Amino acid sequence: MRDLAYLLDGLRCSACLSDNTLWLDLAAGLVECRECGQGALIDPDHDEEDL
């Protein structure tokens, strides 16, 4: 994981059910669990930036 990541506080990993272990890396477009390693790619909605 890159240095510029953000803890998603208060959320739980759906794979291992650990609390406060999800990290968001916007540059990579990835949410990853630091406990089990499960990851998910994200697709930010660019339409909202135009508002």
C-alpha atoms as a PDB file:
ATOM      1  CA  MET A   1       0.000   0.000   0.000  1.00  0.00           C
ATOM      2  CA  ARG A   2       1.237   3.488  -0.740  1.00  0.00           C
ATOM      3  CA  ASP A   3       2.094   6.036   1.934  1.00  0.00           C
ATOM      4  CA  LEU A   4      -0.835   8.268   0.966  1.00  0.00           C
ATOM      5  CA  ALA A   5      -3.706   6.115   2.216  1.00  0.00           C
ATOM      6  CA  TYR A   6      -6.622   6.913   4.484  1.00  0.00           C
ATOM      7  CA  LEU A   7      -8.115   4.775   7.244  1.00  0.00           C
ATOM      8  CA  LEU A   8     -11.836   4.260   6.726  1.00  0.00           C
ATOM      9  CA  ASP A   9     -12.668   4.619  10.399  1.00  0.00           C
ATOM     10  CA  GLY A  10     -15.788   2.885  11.689  1.00  0.00           C
ATOM     11  CA  LEU A  11     -16.112   0.441   8.789  1.00  0.00           C
ATOM     12  CA  ARG A  12     -15.818  -3.347   8.864  1.00  0.00           C
ATOM     13  CA  CYS A  13     -14.255  -5.691   6.309  1.00  0.00           C
ATOM     14  CA  SER A  14     -16.937  -7.943   4.841  1.00  0.00           C
ATOM     15  CA  ALA A  15     -14.436 -10.787   4.342  1.00  0.00           C
ATOM     16  CA  CYS A  16     -12.839 -11.080   7.810  1.00  0.00           C
ATOM     17  CA  LEU A  17     -15.258  -8.856   9.826  1.00  0.00           C
ATOM     18  CA  SER A  18     -12.395  -6.830  11.359  1.00  0.00           C
ATOM     19  CA  ASP A  19     -13.225  -3.283  12.438  1.00  0.00           C
ATOM     20  CA  ASN A  20     -11.143  -0.253  11.405  1.00  0.00           C
ATOM     21  CA  THR A  21      -8.767  -2.142   9.106  1.00  0.00           C
ATOM     22  CA  LEU A  22      -9.925  -0.746   5.743  1.00  0.00           C
ATOM     23  CA  TRP A  23      -7.621   1.669   3.960  1.00  0.00           C
ATOM     24  CA  LEU A  24      -8.493   3.804   0.948  1.00  0.00           C
ATOM     25  CA  ASP A  25      -5.818   4.587  -1.625  1.00  0.00           C
ATOM     26  CA  LEU A  26      -7.306   7.100  -4.074  1.00  0.00           C
ATOM     27  CA  ALA A  27      -4.248   7.151  -6.322  1.00  0.00           C
ATOM     28  CA  ALA A  28      -4.482   3.402  -6.917  1.00  0.00           C
ATOM     29  CA  GLY A  29      -8.294   3.341  -6.824  1.00  0.00           C
ATOM     30  CA  LEU A  30      -8.213   0.639  -4.158  1.00  0.00           C
ATOM     31  CA  VAL A  31      -9.738  -0.172  -0.787  1.00  0.00           C
ATOM     32  CA  GLU A  32      -7.760  -2.813   1.096  1.00  0.00           C
ATOM     33  CA  CYS A  33      -8.118  -4.613   4.418  1.00  0.00           C
ATOM     34  CA  ARG A  34      -4.863  -4.559   6.363  1.00  0.00           C
ATOM     35  CA  GLU A  35      -5.985  -7.604   8.377  1.00  0.00           C
ATOM     36  CA  CYS A  36      -6.818 -10.163   5.665  1.00  0.00           C
ATOM     37  CA  GLY A  37      -5.514  -8.473   2.506  1.00  0.00           C
ATOM     38  CA  GLN A  38      -8.874  -8.459   0.713  1.00  0.00           C
ATOM     39  CA  GLY A  39      -9.030  -5.628  -1.792  1.00  0.00           C
ATOM     40  CA  ALA A  40     -11.562  -3.916  -3.984  1.00  0.00           C
ATOM     41  CA  LEU A  41     -11.086  -1.531  -6.881  1.00  0.00           C
ATOM     42  CA  ILE A  42     -13.115   1.656  -6.792  1.00  0.00           C
ATOM     43  CA  ASP A  43     -14.411   3.773  -9.645  1.00  0.00           C
ATOM     44  CA  PRO A  44     -14.877   7.340  -8.417  1.00  0.00           C
ATOM     45  CA  ASP A  45     -17.871   9.104  -9.882  1.00  0.00           C
ATOM     46  CA  HIS A  46     -16.272  11.886 -11.914  1.00  0.00           C
ATOM     47  CA  ASP A  47     -19.668  13.428 -12.781  1.00  0.00           C
ATOM     48  CA  GLU A  48     -20.020  14.822  -9.234  1.00  0.00           C
ATOM     49  CA  GLU A  49     -16.852  16.904  -9.668  1.00  0.00           C
ATOM     50  CA  ASP A  50     -18.585  18.976 -12.359  1.00  0.00           C
ATOM     51  CA  LEU A  51     -21.306  20.211  -9.987  1.00  0.00           C
END
